[in-house]
mmCIF file of all heavy atoms, coordinates in Angstrom:
data_MODEL
# 
_entry.id   MODEL 
# 
loop_
_atom_site.group_PDB 
_atom_site.id 
_atom_site.type_symbol 
_atom_site.label_atom_id 
_atom_site.label_alt_id 
_atom_site.label_comp_id 
_atom_site.label_asym_id 
_atom_site.label_entity_id 
_atom_site.label_seq_id 
_atom_site.pdbx_PDB_ins_code 
_atom_site.Cartn_x 
_atom_site.Cartn_y 
_atom_site.Cartn_z 
_atom_site.occupancy 
_atom_site.B_iso_or_equiv 
_atom_site.pdbx_formal_charge 
_atom_site.auth_seq_id 
_atom_site.auth_comp_id 
_atom_site.auth_asym_id 
_atom_site.auth_atom_id 
_atom_site.pdbx_PDB_model_num 
ATOM 1   N N   . LEU A 1 1  ? -253.782 56.697 -41.340 1.00 0.00 ? 1  LEU A N   1 
ATOM 2   C CA  . LEU A 1 1  ? -253.008 56.946 -42.551 1.00 0.00 ? 1  LEU A CA  1 
ATOM 3   C C   . LEU A 1 1  ? -253.753 57.939 -43.438 1.00 0.00 ? 1  LEU A C   1 
ATOM 4   O O   . LEU A 1 1  ? -254.651 57.582 -44.197 1.00 0.00 ? 1  LEU A O   1 
ATOM 5   C CB  . LEU A 1 1  ? -252.748 55.640 -43.308 1.00 0.00 ? 1  LEU A CB  1 
ATOM 6   C CG  . LEU A 1 1  ? -252.041 54.532 -42.511 1.00 0.00 ? 1  LEU A CG  1 
ATOM 7   C CD1 . LEU A 1 1  ? -251.671 53.374 -43.432 1.00 0.00 ? 1  LEU A CD1 1 
ATOM 8   C CD2 . LEU A 1 1  ? -250.807 55.067 -41.792 1.00 0.00 ? 1  LEU A CD2 1 
ATOM 9   N N   . ASP A 1 2  ? -253.360 59.195 -43.340 1.00 0.00 ? 2  ASP A N   1 
ATOM 10  C CA  . ASP A 1 2  ? -254.019 60.283 -44.064 1.00 0.00 ? 2  ASP A CA  1 
ATOM 11  C C   . ASP A 1 2  ? -253.313 60.525 -45.398 1.00 0.00 ? 2  ASP A C   1 
ATOM 12  O O   . ASP A 1 2  ? -252.537 61.466 -45.540 1.00 0.00 ? 2  ASP A O   1 
ATOM 13  C CB  . ASP A 1 2  ? -254.014 61.555 -43.210 1.00 0.00 ? 2  ASP A CB  1 
ATOM 14  C CG  . ASP A 1 2  ? -254.702 62.721 -43.892 1.00 0.00 ? 2  ASP A CG  1 
ATOM 15  O OD1 . ASP A 1 2  ? -255.763 62.505 -44.510 1.00 0.00 ? 2  ASP A OD1 1 
ATOM 16  O OD2 . ASP A 1 2  ? -254.164 63.850 -43.821 1.00 0.00 ? 2  ASP A OD2 1 
ATOM 17  N N   . GLY A 1 3  ? -253.555 59.649 -46.371 1.00 0.00 ? 3  GLY A N   1 
ATOM 18  C CA  . GLY A 1 3  ? -252.992 59.861 -47.706 1.00 0.00 ? 3  GLY A CA  1 
ATOM 19  C C   . GLY A 1 3  ? -251.783 59.023 -48.022 1.00 0.00 ? 3  GLY A C   1 
ATOM 20  O O   . GLY A 1 3  ? -251.235 59.134 -49.124 1.00 0.00 ? 3  GLY A O   1 
ATOM 21  N N   . VAL A 1 4  ? -251.308 58.177 -47.109 1.00 0.00 ? 4  VAL A N   1 
ATOM 22  C CA  . VAL A 1 4  ? -250.183 57.294 -47.427 1.00 0.00 ? 4  VAL A CA  1 
ATOM 23  C C   . VAL A 1 4  ? -250.591 56.389 -48.583 1.00 0.00 ? 4  VAL A C   1 
ATOM 24  O O   . VAL A 1 4  ? -251.655 55.769 -48.551 1.00 0.00 ? 4  VAL A O   1 
ATOM 25  C CB  . VAL A 1 4  ? -249.793 56.450 -46.197 1.00 0.00 ? 4  VAL A CB  1 
ATOM 26  C CG1 . VAL A 1 4  ? -248.717 55.437 -46.556 1.00 0.00 ? 4  VAL A CG1 1 
ATOM 27  C CG2 . VAL A 1 4  ? -249.323 57.365 -45.067 1.00 0.00 ? 4  VAL A CG2 1 
ATOM 28  N N   . GLY A 1 5  ? -249.747 56.308 -49.615 1.00 0.00 ? 5  GLY A N   1 
ATOM 29  C CA  . GLY A 1 5  ? -250.144 55.551 -50.801 1.00 0.00 ? 5  GLY A CA  1 
ATOM 30  C C   . GLY A 1 5  ? -249.120 54.579 -51.327 1.00 0.00 ? 5  GLY A C   1 
ATOM 31  O O   . GLY A 1 5  ? -249.469 53.638 -52.037 1.00 0.00 ? 5  GLY A O   1 
ATOM 32  N N   . ASN A 1 6  ? -247.845 54.761 -51.019 1.00 0.00 ? 6  ASN A N   1 
ATOM 33  C CA  . ASN A 1 6  ? -246.804 53.895 -51.548 1.00 0.00 ? 6  ASN A CA  1 
ATOM 34  C C   . ASN A 1 6  ? -246.910 52.502 -50.932 1.00 0.00 ? 6  ASN A C   1 
ATOM 35  O O   . ASN A 1 6  ? -246.895 52.366 -49.699 1.00 0.00 ? 6  ASN A O   1 
ATOM 36  C CB  . ASN A 1 6  ? -245.431 54.506 -51.239 1.00 0.00 ? 6  ASN A CB  1 
ATOM 37  C CG  . ASN A 1 6  ? -244.294 53.701 -51.806 1.00 0.00 ? 6  ASN A CG  1 
ATOM 38  O OD1 . ASN A 1 6  ? -243.980 52.621 -51.312 1.00 0.00 ? 6  ASN A OD1 1 
ATOM 39  N ND2 . ASN A 1 6  ? -243.679 54.210 -52.860 1.00 0.00 ? 6  ASN A ND2 1 
ATOM 40  N N   . PRO A 1 7  ? -247.020 51.429 -51.750 1.00 0.00 ? 7  PRO A N   1 
ATOM 41  C CA  . PRO A 1 7  ? -247.200 50.086 -51.180 1.00 0.00 ? 7  PRO A CA  1 
ATOM 42  C C   . PRO A 1 7  ? -246.033 49.617 -50.332 1.00 0.00 ? 7  PRO A C   1 
ATOM 43  O O   . PRO A 1 7  ? -246.214 48.882 -49.359 1.00 0.00 ? 7  PRO A O   1 
ATOM 44  C CB  . PRO A 1 7  ? -247.401 49.191 -52.416 1.00 0.00 ? 7  PRO A CB  1 
ATOM 45  C CG  . PRO A 1 7  ? -246.838 49.975 -53.561 1.00 0.00 ? 7  PRO A CG  1 
ATOM 46  C CD  . PRO A 1 7  ? -247.066 51.410 -53.222 1.00 0.00 ? 7  PRO A CD  1 
ATOM 47  N N   . HIS A 1 8  ? -244.805 50.040 -50.672 1.00 0.00 ? 8  HIS A N   1 
ATOM 48  C CA  . HIS A 1 8  ? -243.655 49.649 -49.863 1.00 0.00 ? 8  HIS A CA  1 
ATOM 49  C C   . HIS A 1 8  ? -243.681 50.346 -48.509 1.00 0.00 ? 8  HIS A C   1 
ATOM 50  O O   . HIS A 1 8  ? -243.326 49.748 -47.481 1.00 0.00 ? 8  HIS A O   1 
ATOM 51  C CB  . HIS A 1 8  ? -242.356 49.931 -50.609 1.00 0.00 ? 8  HIS A CB  1 
ATOM 52  C CG  . HIS A 1 8  ? -242.166 49.062 -51.808 1.00 0.00 ? 8  HIS A CG  1 
ATOM 53  N ND1 . HIS A 1 8  ? -242.631 49.420 -53.059 1.00 0.00 ? 8  HIS A ND1 1 
ATOM 54  C CD2 . HIS A 1 8  ? -241.615 47.829 -51.955 1.00 0.00 ? 8  HIS A CD2 1 
ATOM 55  C CE1 . HIS A 1 8  ? -242.341 48.457 -53.918 1.00 0.00 ? 8  HIS A CE1 1 
ATOM 56  N NE2 . HIS A 1 8  ? -241.746 47.485 -53.269 1.00 0.00 ? 8  HIS A NE2 1 
ATOM 57  N N   . ASN A 1 9  ? -244.118 51.603 -48.491 1.00 0.00 ? 9  ASN A N   1 
ATOM 58  C CA  . ASN A 1 9  ? -244.292 52.281 -47.211 1.00 0.00 ? 9  ASN A CA  1 
ATOM 59  C C   . ASN A 1 9  ? -245.382 51.610 -46.388 1.00 0.00 ? 9  ASN A C   1 
ATOM 60  O O   . ASN A 1 9  ? -245.235 51.416 -45.181 1.00 0.00 ? 9  ASN A O   1 
ATOM 61  C CB  . ASN A 1 9  ? -244.641 53.757 -47.422 1.00 0.00 ? 9  ASN A CB  1 
ATOM 62  C CG  . ASN A 1 9  ? -243.419 54.606 -47.741 1.00 0.00 ? 9  ASN A CG  1 
ATOM 63  O OD1 . ASN A 1 9  ? -242.288 54.235 -47.434 1.00 0.00 ? 9  ASN A OD1 1 
ATOM 64  N ND2 . ASN A 1 9  ? -243.641 55.743 -48.367 1.00 0.00 ? 9  ASN A ND2 1 
ATOM 65  N N   . LEU A 1 10 ? -246.496 51.253 -47.037 1.00 0.00 ? 10 LEU A N   1 
ATOM 66  C CA  . LEU A 1 10 ? -247.568 50.574 -46.325 1.00 0.00 ? 10 LEU A CA  1 
ATOM 67  C C   . LEU A 1 10 ? -247.066 49.262 -45.733 1.00 0.00 ? 10 LEU A C   1 
ATOM 68  O O   . LEU A 1 10 ? -247.353 48.943 -44.570 1.00 0.00 ? 10 LEU A O   1 
ATOM 69  C CB  . LEU A 1 10 ? -248.755 50.314 -47.255 1.00 0.00 ? 10 LEU A CB  1 
ATOM 70  C CG  . LEU A 1 10 ? -249.898 49.489 -46.634 1.00 0.00 ? 10 LEU A CG  1 
ATOM 71  C CD1 . LEU A 1 10 ? -250.487 50.192 -45.416 1.00 0.00 ? 10 LEU A CD1 1 
ATOM 72  C CD2 . LEU A 1 10 ? -250.989 49.214 -47.681 1.00 0.00 ? 10 LEU A CD2 1 
ATOM 73  N N   . GLY A 1 11 ? -246.310 48.498 -46.512 1.00 0.00 ? 11 GLY A N   1 
ATOM 74  C CA  . GLY A 1 11 ? -245.782 47.233 -46.007 1.00 0.00 ? 11 GLY A CA  1 
ATOM 75  C C   . GLY A 1 11 ? -244.882 47.425 -44.800 1.00 0.00 ? 11 GLY A C   1 
ATOM 76  O O   . GLY A 1 11 ? -244.978 46.694 -43.809 1.00 0.00 ? 11 GLY A O   1 
ATOM 77  N N   . ALA A 1 12 ? -243.997 48.420 -44.876 1.00 0.00 ? 12 ALA A N   1 
ATOM 78  C CA  . ALA A 1 12 ? -243.106 48.688 -43.747 1.00 0.00 ? 12 ALA A CA  1 
ATOM 79  C C   . ALA A 1 12 ? -243.896 49.169 -42.527 1.00 0.00 ? 12 ALA A C   1 
ATOM 80  O O   . ALA A 1 12 ? -243.575 48.814 -41.389 1.00 0.00 ? 12 ALA A O   1 
ATOM 81  C CB  . ALA A 1 12 ? -242.059 49.732 -44.154 1.00 0.00 ? 12 ALA A CB  1 
ATOM 82  N N   . ILE A 1 13 ? -244.921 49.967 -42.753 1.00 0.00 ? 13 ILE A N   1 
ATOM 83  C CA  . ILE A 1 13 ? -245.779 50.425 -41.653 1.00 0.00 ? 13 ILE A CA  1 
ATOM 84  C C   . ILE A 1 13 ? -246.482 49.241 -41.004 1.00 0.00 ? 13 ILE A C   1 
ATOM 85  O O   . ILE A 1 13 ? -246.557 49.131 -39.771 1.00 0.00 ? 13 ILE A O   1 
ATOM 86  C CB  . ILE A 1 13 ? -246.790 51.466 -42.168 1.00 0.00 ? 13 ILE A CB  1 
ATOM 87  C CG1 . ILE A 1 13 ? -246.079 52.799 -42.456 1.00 0.00 ? 13 ILE A CG1 1 
ATOM 88  C CG2 . ILE A 1 13 ? -247.926 51.674 -41.168 1.00 0.00 ? 13 ILE A CG2 1 
ATOM 89  C CD1 . ILE A 1 13 ? -246.929 53.800 -43.194 1.00 0.00 ? 13 ILE A CD1 1 
ATOM 90  N N   . LEU A 1 14 ? -247.007 48.310 -41.816 1.00 0.00 ? 14 LEU A N   1 
ATOM 91  C CA  . LEU A 1 14 ? -247.682 47.135 -41.277 1.00 0.00 ? 14 LEU A CA  1 
ATOM 92  C C   . LEU A 1 14 ? -246.722 46.269 -40.474 1.00 0.00 ? 14 LEU A C   1 
ATOM 93  O O   . LEU A 1 14 ? -247.088 45.710 -39.429 1.00 0.00 ? 14 LEU A O   1 
ATOM 94  C CB  . LEU A 1 14 ? -248.304 46.322 -42.407 1.00 0.00 ? 14 LEU A CB  1 
ATOM 95  C CG  . LEU A 1 14 ? -249.527 46.948 -43.089 1.00 0.00 ? 14 LEU A CG  1 
ATOM 96  C CD1 . LEU A 1 14 ? -249.895 46.162 -44.343 1.00 0.00 ? 14 LEU A CD1 1 
ATOM 97  C CD2 . LEU A 1 14 ? -250.709 47.001 -42.137 1.00 0.00 ? 14 LEU A CD2 1 
ATOM 98  N N   . ARG A 1 15 ? -245.480 46.165 -40.941 1.00 0.00 ? 15 ARG A N   1 
ATOM 99  C CA  . ARG A 1 15 ? -244.501 45.360 -40.195 1.00 0.00 ? 15 ARG A CA  1 
ATOM 100 C C   . ARG A 1 15 ? -244.222 45.985 -38.832 1.00 0.00 ? 15 ARG A C   1 
ATOM 101 O O   . ARG A 1 15 ? -244.183 45.283 -37.813 1.00 0.00 ? 15 ARG A O   1 
ATOM 102 C CB  . ARG A 1 15 ? -243.215 45.244 -41.011 1.00 0.00 ? 15 ARG A CB  1 
ATOM 103 C CG  . ARG A 1 15 ? -242.189 44.304 -40.390 1.00 0.00 ? 15 ARG A CG  1 
ATOM 104 C CD  . ARG A 1 15 ? -241.033 44.053 -41.327 1.00 0.00 ? 15 ARG A CD  1 
ATOM 105 N NE  . ARG A 1 15 ? -240.095 43.098 -40.766 1.00 0.00 ? 15 ARG A NE  1 
ATOM 106 C CZ  . ARG A 1 15 ? -239.019 42.632 -41.394 1.00 0.00 ? 15 ARG A CZ  1 
ATOM 107 N NH1 . ARG A 1 15 ? -238.780 43.038 -42.642 1.00 0.00 ? 15 ARG A NH1 1 
ATOM 108 N NH2 . ARG A 1 15 ? -238.220 41.766 -40.823 1.00 0.00 ? 15 ARG A NH2 1 
ATOM 109 N N   . SER A 1 16 ? -244.048 47.297 -38.798 1.00 0.00 ? 16 SER A N   1 
ATOM 110 C CA  . SER A 1 16 ? -243.830 47.981 -37.512 1.00 0.00 ? 16 SER A CA  1 
ATOM 111 C C   . SER A 1 16 ? -245.066 47.885 -36.627 1.00 0.00 ? 16 SER A C   1 
ATOM 112 O O   . SER A 1 16 ? -244.961 47.666 -35.407 1.00 0.00 ? 16 SER A O   1 
ATOM 113 C CB  . SER A 1 16 ? -243.465 49.447 -37.750 1.00 0.00 ? 16 SER A CB  1 
ATOM 114 O OG  . SER A 1 16 ? -242.219 49.564 -38.397 1.00 0.00 ? 16 SER A OG  1 
ATOM 115 N N   . ALA A 1 17 ? -246.250 48.052 -37.224 1.00 0.00 ? 17 ALA A N   1 
ATOM 116 C CA  . ALA A 1 17 ? -247.485 47.973 -36.448 1.00 0.00 ? 17 ALA A CA  1 
ATOM 117 C C   . ALA A 1 17 ? -247.645 46.591 -35.828 1.00 0.00 ? 17 ALA A C   1 
ATOM 118 O O   . ALA A 1 17 ? -248.070 46.454 -34.672 1.00 0.00 ? 17 ALA A O   1 
ATOM 119 C CB  . ALA A 1 17 ? -248.674 48.312 -37.332 1.00 0.00 ? 17 ALA A CB  1 
ATOM 120 N N   . ALA A 1 18 ? -247.306 45.549 -36.579 1.00 0.00 ? 18 ALA A N   1 
ATOM 121 C CA  . ALA A 1 18 ? -247.387 44.193 -36.032 1.00 0.00 ? 18 ALA A CA  1 
ATOM 122 C C   . ALA A 1 18 ? -246.418 44.016 -34.874 1.00 0.00 ? 18 ALA A C   1 
ATOM 123 O O   . ALA A 1 18 ? -246.743 43.400 -33.855 1.00 0.00 ? 18 ALA A O   1 
ATOM 124 C CB  . ALA A 1 18 ? -247.096 43.176 -37.141 1.00 0.00 ? 18 ALA A CB  1 
ATOM 125 N N   . ASN A 1 19 ? -245.223 44.557 -35.019 1.00 0.00 ? 19 ASN A N   1 
ATOM 126 C CA  . ASN A 1 19 ? -244.203 44.399 -33.970 1.00 0.00 ? 19 ASN A CA  1 
ATOM 127 C C   . ASN A 1 19 ? -244.607 45.085 -32.669 1.00 0.00 ? 19 ASN A C   1 
ATOM 128 O O   . ASN A 1 19 ? -244.363 44.569 -31.579 1.00 0.00 ? 19 ASN A O   1 
ATOM 129 C CB  . ASN A 1 19 ? -242.868 44.956 -34.455 1.00 0.00 ? 19 ASN A CB  1 
ATOM 130 C CG  . ASN A 1 19 ? -241.740 44.693 -33.477 1.00 0.00 ? 19 ASN A CG  1 
ATOM 131 O OD1 . ASN A 1 19 ? -241.290 43.571 -33.328 1.00 0.00 ? 19 ASN A OD1 1 
ATOM 132 N ND2 . ASN A 1 19 ? -241.284 45.724 -32.781 1.00 0.00 ? 19 ASN A ND2 1 
ATOM 133 N N   . PHE A 1 20 ? -245.250 46.254 -32.781 1.00 0.00 ? 20 PHE A N   1 
ATOM 134 C CA  . PHE A 1 20 ? -245.579 47.026 -31.585 1.00 0.00 ? 20 PHE A CA  1 
ATOM 135 C C   . PHE A 1 20 ? -247.061 46.943 -31.195 1.00 0.00 ? 20 PHE A C   1 
ATOM 136 O O   . PHE A 1 20 ? -247.493 47.608 -30.255 1.00 0.00 ? 20 PHE A O   1 
ATOM 137 C CB  . PHE A 1 20 ? -245.168 48.485 -31.781 1.00 0.00 ? 20 PHE A CB  1 
ATOM 138 C CG  . PHE A 1 20 ? -243.680 48.682 -31.886 1.00 0.00 ? 20 PHE A CG  1 
ATOM 139 C CD1 . PHE A 1 20 ? -243.099 49.055 -33.099 1.00 0.00 ? 20 PHE A CD1 1 
ATOM 140 C CD2 . PHE A 1 20 ? -242.859 48.459 -30.808 1.00 0.00 ? 20 PHE A CD2 1 
ATOM 141 C CE1 . PHE A 1 20 ? -241.719 49.227 -33.212 1.00 0.00 ? 20 PHE A CE1 1 
ATOM 142 C CE2 . PHE A 1 20 ? -241.488 48.624 -30.905 1.00 0.00 ? 20 PHE A CE2 1 
ATOM 143 C CZ  . PHE A 1 20 ? -240.913 49.005 -32.106 1.00 0.00 ? 20 PHE A CZ  1 
ATOM 144 N N   . GLY A 1 21 ? -247.846 46.142 -31.925 1.00 0.00 ? 21 GLY A N   1 
ATOM 145 C CA  . GLY A 1 21 ? -249.234 45.915 -31.537 1.00 0.00 ? 21 GLY A CA  1 
ATOM 146 C C   . GLY A 1 21 ? -250.191 47.040 -31.834 1.00 0.00 ? 21 GLY A C   1 
ATOM 147 O O   . GLY A 1 21 ? -251.117 47.297 -31.052 1.00 0.00 ? 21 GLY A O   1 
ATOM 148 N N   . ALA A 1 22 ? -250.014 47.722 -32.969 1.00 0.00 ? 22 ALA A N   1 
ATOM 149 C CA  . ALA A 1 22 ? -250.884 48.832 -33.333 1.00 0.00 ? 22 ALA A CA  1 
ATOM 150 C C   . ALA A 1 22 ? -251.848 48.426 -34.442 1.00 0.00 ? 22 ALA A C   1 
ATOM 151 O O   . ALA A 1 22 ? -251.579 47.503 -35.215 1.00 0.00 ? 22 ALA A O   1 
ATOM 152 C CB  . ALA A 1 22 ? -250.057 50.032 -33.795 1.00 0.00 ? 22 ALA A CB  1 
ATOM 153 N N   . ALA A 1 23 ? -252.960 49.130 -34.521 1.00 0.00 ? 23 ALA A N   1 
ATOM 154 C CA  . ALA A 1 23 ? -253.916 48.957 -35.614 1.00 0.00 ? 23 ALA A CA  1 
ATOM 155 C C   . ALA A 1 23 ? -253.678 50.042 -36.659 1.00 0.00 ? 23 ALA A C   1 
ATOM 156 O O   . ALA A 1 23 ? -253.024 51.051 -36.390 1.00 0.00 ? 23 ALA A O   1 
ATOM 157 C CB  . ALA A 1 23 ? -255.349 49.039 -35.088 1.00 0.00 ? 23 ALA A CB  1 
ATOM 158 N N   . VAL A 1 24 ? -254.211 49.838 -37.849 1.00 0.00 ? 24 VAL A N   1 
ATOM 159 C CA  . VAL A 1 24 ? -254.113 50.828 -38.928 1.00 0.00 ? 24 VAL A CA  1 
ATOM 160 C C   . VAL A 1 24 ? -255.519 51.304 -39.281 1.00 0.00 ? 24 VAL A C   1 
ATOM 161 O O   . VAL A 1 24 ? -256.408 50.488 -39.562 1.00 0.00 ? 24 VAL A O   1 
ATOM 162 C CB  . VAL A 1 24 ? -253.419 50.234 -40.169 1.00 0.00 ? 24 VAL A CB  1 
ATOM 163 C CG1 . VAL A 1 24 ? -253.607 51.139 -41.383 1.00 0.00 ? 24 VAL A CG1 1 
ATOM 164 C CG2 . VAL A 1 24 ? -251.929 50.030 -39.883 1.00 0.00 ? 24 VAL A CG2 1 
ATOM 165 N N   . LEU A 1 25 ? -255.719 52.624 -39.230 1.00 0.00 ? 25 LEU A N   1 
ATOM 166 C CA  . LEU A 1 25 ? -257.011 53.235 -39.513 1.00 0.00 ? 25 LEU A CA  1 
ATOM 167 C C   . LEU A 1 25 ? -256.992 53.848 -40.913 1.00 0.00 ? 25 LEU A C   1 
ATOM 168 O O   . LEU A 1 25 ? -256.107 54.646 -41.235 1.00 0.00 ? 25 LEU A O   1 
ATOM 169 C CB  . LEU A 1 25 ? -257.316 54.320 -38.475 1.00 0.00 ? 25 LEU A CB  1 
ATOM 170 C CG  . LEU A 1 25 ? -257.119 53.960 -36.997 1.00 0.00 ? 25 LEU A CG  1 
ATOM 171 C CD1 . LEU A 1 25 ? -257.529 55.136 -36.102 1.00 0.00 ? 25 LEU A CD1 1 
ATOM 172 C CD2 . LEU A 1 25 ? -257.898 52.710 -36.627 1.00 0.00 ? 25 LEU A CD2 1 
# 
């Protein structure tokens, strides 16, 4: 995540990452 800052975007990204088994750097 190179500069992502919106908390709602972060939450949606985390939900997708959990569904597909990805980590967040």
